[in-house]
N, C-alpha and C. Protein backbone atom coordinates (compact mmCIF):
# COMPACT_ATOMS: atom_id res chain seq x y z
N UNK A 1 0.63 -0.92 0.39
CA UNK A 1 0.11 -0.31 0.18
C UNK A 1 0.67 1.11 -0.16
N UNK A 2 2.14 1.37 0.55
CA UNK A 2 2.71 2.14 0.72
C UNK A 2 3.43 2.71 -0.75
N UNK A 3 3.84 1.73 -1.11
CA UNK A 3 4.49 1.82 -2.35
C UNK A 3 3.24 2.45 -3.55
N UNK A 4 2.09 1.51 -3.42
CA UNK A 4 1.60 2.37 -4.39
C UNK A 4 1.08 3.81 -4.20
N UNK A 5 1.38 4.52 -2.51
CA UNK A 5 1.08 5.88 -2.60
C UNK A 5 2.18 6.20 -3.01
N UNK A 6 3.17 6.39 -2.84
CA UNK A 6 4.19 6.72 -4.09
C UNK A 6 4.78 6.85 -5.21
N UNK A 7 3.76 5.54 -5.68
CA UNK A 7 4.21 5.60 -7.23
C UNK A 7 2.95 6.63 -7.63
N UNK A 8 1.98 6.47 -6.81
CA UNK A 8 1.51 7.77 -7.59
C UNK A 8 1.32 9.09 -7.40
N UNK A 9 2.22 9.48 -6.34
CA UNK A 9 2.41 10.86 -5.85
C UNK A 9 3.36 11.30 -7.32
N UNK A 10 4.25 10.15 -7.86
CA UNK A 10 5.66 10.50 -8.59
C UNK A 10 4.77 10.65 -9.55
N UNK A 11 4.06 9.57 -10.31
CA UNK A 11 2.80 9.84 -11.24
C UNK A 11 2.38 11.41 -11.42
N UNK A 12 1.68 11.37 -10.21
CA UNK A 12 1.37 12.97 -10.64
C UNK A 12 1.75 13.81 -10.66
N UNK A 13 3.47 13.82 -10.58
CA UNK A 13 4.61 15.11 -11.21
C UNK A 13 4.88 14.40 -12.67
N UNK A 14 4.48 13.43 -13.06
CA UNK A 14 5.20 13.72 -14.26
C UNK A 14 6.13 12.52 -14.56
N UNK A 15 6.26 11.00 -13.77
CA UNK A 15 7.15 10.32 -13.30
C UNK A 15 6.44 9.32 -14.71
N UNK A 16 7.60 9.08 -15.56
CA UNK A 16 7.02 7.97 -16.39
C UNK A 16 7.06 6.44 -16.24
N UNK A 17 8.07 6.30 -15.06
CA UNK A 17 8.59 5.32 -14.50
C UNK A 17 7.46 4.96 -13.41
N UNK A 18 6.92 5.95 -12.87
CA UNK A 18 6.17 5.69 -12.04
C UNK A 18 4.50 5.07 -12.25
N UNK A 19 4.26 5.59 -13.15
CA UNK A 19 2.99 5.37 -13.92
C UNK A 19 3.17 4.00 -14.50
N UNK A 20 4.10 3.94 -15.26
CA UNK A 20 4.56 2.39 -15.47
C UNK A 20 4.38 1.13 -14.15
N UNK A 21 4.88 1.46 -12.95
CA UNK A 21 5.02 0.68 -11.89
C UNK A 21 3.59 0.95 -11.20
N UNK A 22 3.12 2.05 -11.44
CA UNK A 22 1.79 2.13 -10.93
C UNK A 22 0.71 0.90 -11.37
N UNK A 23 0.83 0.91 -12.81
CA UNK A 23 -0.21 -0.17 -13.65
C UNK A 23 0.36 -1.02 -13.36
N UNK A 24 1.62 -1.86 -13.11
CA UNK A 24 1.97 -2.98 -12.39
C UNK A 24 1.28 -3.20 -11.16
N UNK A 25 1.41 -2.56 -10.25
CA UNK A 25 0.90 -2.39 -8.94
C UNK A 25 -0.86 -2.59 -8.95
N UNK A 26 -1.25 -2.37 -9.85
CA UNK A 26 -2.56 -2.73 -9.58
C UNK A 26 -2.75 -3.96 -10.19
N UNK A 27 -2.38 -4.31 -11.24
CA UNK A 27 -2.31 -5.68 -11.57
C UNK A 27 -1.49 -6.48 -10.61
N UNK A 28 -0.76 -6.47 -9.73
CA UNK A 28 -0.53 -7.35 -8.89
C UNK A 28 -1.21 -7.28 -7.94
N UNK A 29 -1.82 -6.21 -7.21
CA UNK A 29 -2.93 -6.20 -6.07
C UNK A 29 -3.99 -6.97 -6.97
N UNK A 30 -4.52 -6.90 -8.14
CA UNK A 30 -6.04 -8.03 -8.67
C UNK A 30 -5.43 -8.78 -8.36
N UNK A 31 -4.01 -9.92 -8.86
CA UNK A 31 -3.71 -11.23 -8.71
C UNK A 31 -3.95 -11.56 -7.53
N UNK A 32 -3.26 -10.85 -6.60
CA UNK A 32 -3.22 -10.81 -4.95
C UNK A 32 -4.80 -11.35 -4.50
N UNK A 33 -5.47 -10.57 -4.95
CA UNK A 33 -6.96 -10.83 -4.71
C UNK A 33 -7.81 -11.74 -5.09
N UNK A 34 -7.45 -11.94 -6.44
CA UNK A 34 -8.63 -12.88 -6.87
C UNK A 34 -7.50 -14.73 -6.78
N UNK A 35 -6.56 -14.62 -6.36
CA UNK A 35 -5.69 -15.99 -6.12
C UNK A 35 -6.53 -16.76 -5.24
N UNK A 36 -6.73 -18.15 -5.96
CA UNK A 36 -7.87 -18.98 -5.39
C UNK A 36 -7.12 -20.68 -5.54
N UNK A 37 -6.94 -21.44 -4.38
CA UNK A 37 -6.45 -22.53 -4.47
C UNK A 37 -7.18 -23.53 -5.49
N UNK A 38 -7.43 -23.59 -6.49
CA UNK A 38 -7.59 -24.23 -7.67
C UNK A 38 -6.80 -24.76 -8.48
N UNK A 39 -7.72 -25.41 -9.56
CA UNK A 39 -6.41 -25.68 -10.89
C UNK A 39 -6.16 -24.41 -11.97
N UNK A 40 -5.32 -24.41 -11.96
CA UNK A 40 -4.83 -23.30 -13.04
C UNK A 40 -5.34 -23.36 -14.51
N UNK A 41 -6.23 -22.55 -14.90
CA UNK A 41 -6.86 -23.07 -16.26
C UNK A 41 -6.22 -22.73 -17.15
N UNK A 42 -4.99 -21.56 -17.15
CA UNK A 42 -4.57 -21.37 -18.20
C UNK A 42 -3.45 -22.33 -18.96
N UNK A 43 -3.33 -23.12 -17.99
CA UNK A 43 -2.17 -23.90 -18.41
C UNK A 43 -2.77 -25.46 -18.04
N UNK A 44 -2.10 -26.01 -19.22
CA UNK A 44 -2.79 -27.46 -19.02
C UNK A 44 -1.95 -28.61 -17.64
N UNK A 45 -2.90 -28.91 -16.84
CA UNK A 45 -2.70 -29.53 -15.30
C UNK A 45 -1.73 -30.78 -15.28
N UNK A 46 -2.00 -31.75 -16.21
CA UNK A 46 -1.11 -32.68 -16.45
C UNK A 46 0.41 -32.62 -16.74
N UNK A 47 0.65 -31.64 -17.69
CA UNK A 47 2.12 -31.25 -18.06
C UNK A 47 2.27 -30.60 -17.15
N UNK A 48 1.48 -29.52 -16.22
CA UNK A 48 2.15 -28.47 -15.15
C UNK A 48 2.78 -29.77 -13.95
N UNK A 49 1.68 -30.41 -13.70
CA UNK A 49 2.17 -31.41 -12.99
C UNK A 49 3.59 -32.19 -12.77
N UNK A 50 3.31 -32.36 -13.87
CA UNK A 50 5.09 -32.99 -14.05
C UNK A 50 6.31 -31.98 -14.07
N UNK A 51 6.40 -30.91 -13.86
CA UNK A 51 7.36 -29.89 -14.42
C UNK A 51 7.93 -30.22 -12.75
N UNK A 52 9.61 -30.00 -12.75
CA UNK A 52 10.30 -29.76 -11.44
C UNK A 52 9.44 -28.31 -11.02
N UNK A 53 10.36 -27.98 -9.67
CA UNK A 53 10.28 -26.56 -9.31
C UNK A 53 10.85 -25.69 -10.29
N UNK A 54 12.06 -26.10 -10.41
CA UNK A 54 12.62 -25.16 -11.70
C UNK A 54 12.07 -24.96 -12.95
N UNK A 55 12.00 -26.09 -13.75
CA UNK A 55 11.35 -25.98 -14.78
C UNK A 55 9.49 -25.18 -14.14
N UNK A 56 9.04 -25.21 -13.63
CA UNK A 56 7.46 -24.30 -12.96
C UNK A 56 8.22 -22.73 -12.97
N UNK A 57 9.67 -22.70 -12.07
CA UNK A 57 9.91 -21.54 -12.52
C UNK A 57 10.45 -20.52 -13.48
N UNK A 58 10.84 -21.45 -14.36
CA UNK A 58 11.30 -21.11 -15.61
C UNK A 58 10.12 -20.88 -16.63
N UNK A 59 9.15 -21.66 -16.78
CA UNK A 59 8.07 -21.21 -17.76
C UNK A 59 7.44 -19.88 -17.64
N UNK A 60 6.88 -19.90 -15.87
CA UNK A 60 6.56 -18.93 -15.25
C UNK A 60 7.04 -17.47 -16.00
N UNK A 61 8.58 -17.57 -15.55
CA UNK A 61 9.43 -16.82 -16.24
C UNK A 61 9.36 -16.19 -17.31
N UNK A 62 8.80 -17.49 -17.91
CA UNK A 62 8.70 -16.92 -19.78
C UNK A 62 7.34 -16.70 -19.93
N UNK A 63 6.59 -16.43 -18.99
CA UNK A 63 4.55 -16.19 -18.87
C UNK A 63 5.17 -14.79 -18.72
N UNK A 64 5.89 -14.18 -17.78
CA UNK A 64 6.04 -13.06 -17.67
C UNK A 64 6.63 -11.87 -18.76
N UNK A 65 7.64 -12.91 -19.16
CA UNK A 65 8.54 -12.21 -20.13
C UNK A 65 7.51 -11.95 -21.48
N UNK A 66 6.59 -13.04 -21.86
CA UNK A 66 5.58 -12.85 -22.71
C UNK A 66 4.87 -11.70 -22.78
N UNK A 67 4.34 -11.73 -21.71
CA UNK A 67 3.21 -10.44 -21.42
C UNK A 67 4.06 -9.45 -21.36
N UNK A 68 5.01 -9.37 -20.52
CA UNK A 68 5.83 -7.78 -20.63
C UNK A 68 6.47 -7.22 -21.93
N UNK A 69 6.70 -8.44 -23.02
CA UNK A 69 7.73 -8.08 -23.88
C UNK A 69 6.68 -7.09 -25.07
N UNK A 70 5.40 -6.51 -25.08
CA UNK A 70 4.81 -5.53 -26.05
C UNK A 70 4.58 -4.67 -24.85
N UNK A 71 4.89 -4.53 -23.58
CA UNK A 71 4.79 -3.02 -22.57
C UNK A 71 3.45 -2.87 -22.60
N UNK A 72 2.55 -3.95 -22.59
CA UNK A 72 0.89 -3.28 -22.31
C UNK A 72 0.60 -4.75 -21.66
N UNK A 73 -0.12 -4.44 -20.82
CA UNK A 73 -1.10 -5.60 -19.97
C UNK A 73 -2.68 -5.83 -19.98
N UNK A 74 -3.31 -6.75 -20.98
CA UNK A 74 -4.58 -6.65 -20.90
C UNK A 74 -5.01 -7.46 -20.05
N UNK A 75 -6.63 -7.54 -19.95
CA UNK A 75 -7.10 -8.27 -19.05
C UNK A 75 -7.09 -9.81 -19.09
N UNK A 76 -7.14 -10.50 -20.68
CA UNK A 76 -6.49 -11.54 -20.77
C UNK A 76 -5.01 -11.74 -20.40
N UNK A 77 -4.13 -11.24 -20.62
CA UNK A 77 -2.61 -11.39 -20.46
C UNK A 77 -2.53 -10.99 -18.48
N UNK A 78 -3.29 -10.66 -17.99
CA UNK A 78 -3.60 -10.63 -16.41
C UNK A 78 -4.00 -11.61 -16.04
N UNK A 79 -4.83 -12.35 -16.56
CA UNK A 79 -5.03 -14.08 -16.22
C UNK A 79 -3.84 -15.05 -16.14
N UNK A 80 -3.22 -14.81 -17.65
CA UNK A 80 -1.98 -15.54 -17.55
C UNK A 80 -0.99 -15.47 -16.31
N UNK A 81 -0.89 -13.64 -16.09
CA UNK A 81 0.49 -13.51 -15.01
C UNK A 81 -0.11 -14.32 -13.97
N UNK A 82 -1.21 -14.10 -13.41
CA UNK A 82 -2.08 -15.25 -12.17
C UNK A 82 -1.68 -16.14 -12.33
N UNK A 83 -1.89 -16.81 -13.28
CA UNK A 83 -1.81 -18.13 -13.41
C UNK A 83 -0.36 -18.69 -13.53
N UNK A 84 0.81 -17.86 -13.95
CA UNK A 84 2.47 -18.39 -13.61
C UNK A 84 2.48 -17.98 -12.65
N UNK A 85 2.12 -17.21 -12.17
CA UNK A 85 2.88 -16.72 -10.33
C UNK A 85 2.28 -17.75 -9.85
N UNK A 86 1.40 -18.54 -9.68
CA UNK A 86 0.57 -19.12 -8.48
C UNK A 86 0.93 -20.64 -9.33
N UNK A 87 1.93 -21.06 -10.23
CA UNK A 87 2.65 -22.11 -10.78
C UNK A 87 4.15 -22.44 -9.79
N UNK A 88 4.18 -20.67 -9.25
CA UNK A 88 5.41 -20.88 -8.02
C UNK A 88 5.11 -21.14 -6.79
N UNK A 89 5.81 -21.85 -6.22
CA UNK A 89 5.60 -22.26 -4.31
C UNK A 89 6.82 -21.10 -3.26
N UNK A 90 7.62 -21.05 -4.06
CA UNK A 90 8.69 -20.30 -3.31
C UNK A 90 8.57 -19.35 -3.42
N UNK A 91 8.06 -18.24 -2.12
CA UNK A 91 8.09 -16.70 -2.36
C UNK A 91 8.98 -15.79 -2.54
N UNK A 92 10.29 -16.27 -2.30
CA UNK A 92 11.67 -15.20 -2.78
C UNK A 92 11.26 -15.31 -4.62
N UNK A 93 11.09 -16.87 -4.80
CA UNK A 93 10.87 -16.69 -6.29
C UNK A 93 9.59 -15.83 -6.98
N UNK A 94 8.71 -15.83 -6.37
CA UNK A 94 7.20 -15.16 -6.76
C UNK A 94 7.65 -14.00 -6.50
N UNK A 95 8.83 -13.33 -5.35
CA UNK A 95 9.03 -12.22 -5.06
C UNK A 95 9.26 -11.43 -6.45
N UNK A 96 10.46 -11.99 -7.18
CA UNK A 96 11.06 -11.76 -7.94
C UNK A 96 10.55 -12.17 -9.30
N UNK A 97 9.78 -12.65 -9.37
CA UNK A 97 8.81 -12.34 -11.09
C UNK A 97 7.67 -11.20 -10.52
N UNK A 98 7.48 -11.00 -9.15
CA UNK A 98 6.43 -9.71 -9.11
C UNK A 98 7.27 -8.21 -9.48
N UNK A 99 8.75 -8.39 -9.32
CA UNK A 99 9.46 -7.58 -9.32
C UNK A 99 9.58 -7.07 -10.53
N UNK A 100 9.95 -7.93 -11.43
CA UNK A 100 10.06 -7.70 -13.22
C UNK A 100 8.67 -6.81 -13.30
N UNK A 101 7.53 -7.48 -12.62
CA UNK A 101 6.24 -6.85 -13.32
C UNK A 101 5.86 -5.57 -12.91
N UNK A 102 6.49 -5.64 -11.43
CA UNK A 102 6.59 -4.13 -11.09
C UNK A 102 7.52 -2.89 -11.97
N UNK A 103 9.01 -3.38 -12.16
CA UNK A 103 9.52 -2.92 -12.74
C UNK A 103 9.05 -2.38 -14.12
N UNK A 104 8.28 -3.47 -14.61
CA UNK A 104 8.21 -3.40 -16.41
C UNK A 104 9.53 -3.97 -16.89
N UNK A 105 9.76 -4.72 -16.15
CA UNK A 105 11.48 -5.70 -17.35
C UNK A 105 10.55 -6.86 -17.45
N UNK A 106 11.45 -7.24 -18.55
CA UNK A 106 11.64 -9.02 -19.20
C UNK A 106 12.32 -9.56 -18.37
N UNK A 107 11.61 -10.86 -17.61
CA UNK A 107 12.84 -11.84 -16.93
C UNK A 107 13.68 -12.12 -18.04
N UNK A 108 15.18 -12.72 -17.40
CA UNK A 108 15.71 -13.28 -18.43
C UNK A 108 15.81 -14.80 -18.85
N UNK A 109 16.01 -15.32 -20.15
CA UNK A 109 15.31 -16.47 -20.21
C UNK A 109 16.98 -17.50 -20.60
N UNK A 110 16.49 -18.07 -19.50
CA UNK A 110 18.20 -19.03 -19.15
C UNK A 110 17.54 -20.41 -20.01
N UNK A 111 18.87 -21.27 -20.19
CA UNK A 111 19.09 -22.53 -20.77
C UNK A 111 18.13 -23.41 -19.51
N UNK A 112 17.19 -24.27 -20.27
CA UNK A 112 16.90 -25.45 -19.16
C UNK A 112 16.48 -26.42 -20.62
N UNK A 113 16.04 -27.59 -19.84
CA UNK A 113 16.15 -29.25 -20.08
C UNK A 113 14.47 -29.21 -20.08
N UNK A 114 13.64 -29.40 -21.56
CA UNK A 114 12.26 -30.15 -21.27
C UNK A 114 12.49 -31.11 -22.53
N UNK A 115 11.45 -32.19 -22.38
CA UNK A 115 10.77 -32.98 -23.54
C UNK A 115 10.55 -32.64 -24.23
N UNK A 116 10.35 -33.23 -25.23
CA UNK A 116 10.33 -32.86 -26.87
C UNK A 116 8.86 -32.62 -26.75
N UNK A 117 8.11 -32.77 -25.87
CA UNK A 117 6.42 -32.63 -26.09
C UNK A 117 6.23 -31.63 -25.20
N UNK A 118 6.66 -31.58 -24.18
CA UNK A 118 6.33 -30.22 -23.28
C UNK A 118 7.42 -29.10 -24.02
N UNK A 119 8.42 -29.31 -24.82
CA UNK A 119 8.61 -27.98 -25.55
C UNK A 119 7.41 -27.70 -26.60
N UNK A 120 7.03 -28.45 -27.38
CA UNK A 120 5.72 -27.84 -28.17
C UNK A 120 5.10 -27.31 -27.23
N UNK A 121 4.26 -27.73 -26.20
CA UNK A 121 3.08 -27.20 -25.22
C UNK A 121 3.82 -25.94 -24.89
N UNK A 122 4.95 -26.11 -24.19
CA UNK A 122 5.34 -24.77 -23.70
C UNK A 122 5.48 -23.46 -24.99
N UNK A 123 5.77 -23.80 -26.31
CA UNK A 123 5.91 -23.15 -27.25
C UNK A 123 4.52 -22.54 -27.24
N UNK A 124 3.61 -23.35 -27.72
CA UNK A 124 2.04 -23.10 -28.42
C UNK A 124 1.56 -22.06 -27.03
N UNK A 125 1.95 -22.48 -26.24
CA UNK A 125 0.93 -21.74 -24.95
C UNK A 125 1.59 -20.60 -24.63
N UNK A 126 2.85 -20.21 -25.23
CA UNK A 126 3.89 -18.79 -25.07
C UNK A 126 2.71 -17.97 -26.25
N UNK A 127 2.78 -18.81 -27.58
CA UNK A 127 2.06 -17.83 -28.64
C UNK A 127 0.95 -17.19 -28.45
N UNK A 128 0.34 -18.50 -27.75
CA UNK A 128 -1.27 -18.29 -27.22
C UNK A 128 -0.94 -16.83 -26.52
N UNK A 129 -0.21 -16.97 -25.65
CA UNK A 129 -0.35 -15.40 -24.82
C UNK A 129 0.17 -14.42 -25.74
N UNK A 130 1.43 -14.58 -26.60
CA UNK A 130 1.52 -13.57 -27.55
C UNK A 130 0.72 -13.06 -27.96
N UNK A 131 -0.34 -13.92 -28.99
CA UNK A 131 -1.47 -13.30 -29.67
C UNK A 131 -2.80 -12.88 -29.27
N UNK A 132 -3.08 -13.42 -27.53
CA UNK A 132 -4.32 -13.19 -27.09
C UNK A 132 -5.01 -11.74 -27.02
N UNK A 133 -3.84 -10.61 -27.35
CA UNK A 133 -4.02 -9.45 -27.28
C UNK A 133 -4.63 -8.79 -28.90
N UNK A 134 -4.51 -9.81 -30.07
CA UNK A 134 -4.90 -9.44 -31.47
C UNK A 134 -3.99 -8.94 -32.08
N UNK A 135 -2.58 -8.83 -31.52
CA UNK A 135 -1.60 -8.55 -32.03
C UNK A 135 0.14 -9.50 -31.56
N UNK A 136 0.42 -9.40 -32.94
CA UNK A 136 1.65 -10.22 -32.39
C UNK A 136 2.97 -8.88 -32.95
N UNK A 137 3.74 -8.70 -32.36
CA UNK A 137 4.97 -7.65 -32.96
C UNK A 137 5.99 -8.24 -32.41
N UNK A 138 6.78 -7.58 -33.25
CA UNK A 138 8.33 -8.32 -33.43
C UNK A 138 9.25 -8.17 -31.92
N UNK A 139 8.53 -7.74 -31.06
CA UNK A 139 9.39 -7.75 -29.79
C UNK A 139 8.87 -9.30 -28.90
N UNK A 140 7.60 -9.77 -29.59
CA UNK A 140 7.48 -11.21 -29.17
C UNK A 140 7.92 -11.78 -29.71
N UNK A 141 8.05 -11.38 -31.27
CA UNK A 141 8.71 -12.45 -32.01
C UNK A 141 9.88 -12.92 -32.19
N UNK A 142 10.79 -11.88 -31.57
CA UNK A 142 12.36 -12.00 -30.82
C UNK A 142 12.19 -12.65 -29.49
N UNK A 143 11.20 -12.52 -29.00
CA UNK A 143 11.21 -13.14 -27.29
C UNK A 143 10.75 -14.59 -27.84
N UNK A 144 10.14 -15.15 -28.64
CA UNK A 144 9.88 -16.45 -29.25
C UNK A 144 11.02 -17.06 -29.82
N UNK A 145 11.83 -16.48 -30.73
CA UNK A 145 13.06 -16.98 -30.81
C UNK A 145 14.06 -17.31 -29.52
N UNK A 146 14.23 -16.19 -28.82
CA UNK A 146 14.88 -16.59 -27.59
C UNK A 146 14.73 -17.64 -26.68
N UNK A 147 12.86 -17.89 -26.65
CA UNK A 147 12.60 -19.22 -25.77
C UNK A 147 13.09 -20.16 -25.96
N UNK A 148 12.95 -20.19 -27.88
CA UNK A 148 13.34 -21.34 -28.31
C UNK A 148 14.52 -22.11 -28.73
N UNK A 149 15.48 -20.83 -28.50
CA UNK A 149 16.94 -21.11 -28.63
C UNK A 149 17.72 -21.80 -26.80
N UNK A 150 16.54 -21.41 -26.13
CA UNK A 150 17.07 -21.96 -24.42
C UNK A 150 16.42 -23.26 -24.27
N UNK A 151 15.38 -23.37 -25.23
CA UNK A 151 15.03 -24.91 -24.80
C UNK A 151 15.14 -26.09 -26.17
N UNK A 152 16.18 -25.49 -26.89
CA UNK A 152 16.91 -26.68 -28.15
C UNK A 152 15.75 -26.62 -28.94
N UNK A 153 15.14 -25.70 -29.09
CA UNK A 153 14.10 -25.96 -30.11
C UNK A 153 14.46 -25.64 -31.48
N UNK A 154 14.25 -26.40 -32.77
CA UNK A 154 15.01 -26.10 -34.35
C UNK A 154 14.63 -24.80 -34.81
N UNK A 155 15.71 -23.90 -35.43
CA UNK A 155 14.83 -22.98 -35.96
C UNK A 155 13.91 -22.80 -36.64
N UNK A 156 13.34 -24.13 -37.54
CA UNK A 156 12.65 -24.33 -38.34
C UNK A 156 11.56 -24.38 -37.66
N UNK A 157 11.58 -25.41 -36.51
CA UNK A 157 10.02 -25.24 -35.83
C UNK A 157 9.42 -24.02 -35.26
N UNK A 158 10.50 -22.92 -34.82
CA UNK A 158 9.76 -21.77 -34.52
C UNK A 158 9.40 -20.71 -35.31
N UNK A 159 10.27 -20.99 -36.58
CA UNK A 159 9.78 -20.20 -37.60
C UNK A 159 8.15 -20.81 -38.11
N UNK A 160 7.83 -21.45 -38.13
CA UNK A 160 6.56 -22.26 -38.28
C UNK A 160 5.61 -21.32 -37.36
N UNK A 161 5.71 -21.87 -35.97
CA UNK A 161 5.02 -21.32 -35.27
C UNK A 161 5.09 -19.82 -35.20
N UNK A 162 6.18 -19.22 -35.53
CA UNK A 162 5.73 -17.59 -35.82
C UNK A 162 4.83 -17.44 -36.90
N UNK A 163 4.67 -17.71 -38.12
CA UNK A 163 3.78 -17.87 -39.20
C UNK A 163 2.85 -18.07 -38.60
N UNK A 164 2.36 -19.37 -37.82
CA UNK A 164 1.07 -19.32 -37.31
C UNK A 164 0.52 -18.18 -36.32
N UNK A 165 1.47 -17.64 -35.90
CA UNK A 165 1.08 -16.10 -34.91
C UNK A 165 0.57 -15.17 -35.76
N UNK A 166 1.30 -15.39 -37.05
CA UNK A 166 1.02 -13.78 -37.99
C UNK A 166 -0.36 -14.63 -38.54
N UNK A 167 -0.35 -16.16 -38.68
CA UNK A 167 -1.80 -15.72 -38.94
C UNK A 167 -3.09 -15.90 -38.75
N UNK A 168 -2.90 -16.28 -37.23
CA UNK A 168 -3.45 -15.83 -36.32
C UNK A 168 -4.52 -14.36 -36.47
N UNK A 169 -3.45 -13.78 -36.26
CA UNK A 169 -3.57 -12.12 -36.39
C UNK A 169 -4.26 -11.83 -37.34
N UNK A 170 -4.24 -12.36 -38.80
CA UNK A 170 -4.54 -11.52 -40.00
C UNK A 170 -5.64 -12.62 -39.89
N UNK A 171 -6.25 -13.83 -39.62
CA UNK A 171 -7.88 -14.04 -39.49
C UNK A 171 -8.48 -13.33 -38.93
N UNK A 172 -8.18 -12.46 -37.39
CA UNK A 172 -8.79 -11.94 -36.77
C UNK A 172 -9.27 -10.81 -37.08
N UNK A 173 -8.39 -10.06 -37.85
CA UNK A 173 -8.03 -8.90 -38.38
C UNK A 173 -9.17 -8.69 -39.66
N UNK A 174 -9.16 -9.68 -40.12
CA UNK A 174 -9.94 -10.66 -41.61
C UNK A 174 -11.56 -10.61 -40.94
N UNK A 175 -11.82 -11.34 -40.14
CA UNK A 175 -13.11 -11.26 -39.43
C UNK A 175 -13.83 -9.73 -38.67
N UNK A 176 -12.49 -9.21 -38.37
CA UNK A 176 -13.32 -7.66 -37.61
C UNK A 176 -14.09 -6.61 -38.75
N UNK A 177 -13.64 -7.26 -40.36
CA UNK A 177 -14.23 -6.53 -41.45
C UNK A 177 -15.32 -6.98 -41.61
């Protein structure tokens, strides 16, 4: 509450960083208020249930990175952030993810091992997050390449996934006309 007050005061005086932090603080407040201990709907519970704590933290960080990549958090992306943070059980790691959101920063994407089936699911999930706002920009595309490299996905596979992302956006725009 105190940080919210000071961010609001700084935003009143024109601080762009404070305005971003204020938006992030609102998102985090909403996430904490909505926390319920039941299944995490945005992610396949069987897949998530088979991940190690390290893999869960990495995946949650990748979700946060994908949401933060376009510097905008819409209602659907807020839901993904909520679910990603709930994947992590360690309070220090939760705080680390929340600080990336507060600072409006993209967490680093480190190398990690997943089996082939999980890699496909993870990338498809991240593509869903990138396109949920009906936009798929260069920063999100670049991040998908970085994530694919971190989990050892061949370039051809990620290129096909990126084409799918652009196709989804084209279809959405065509349906809007």
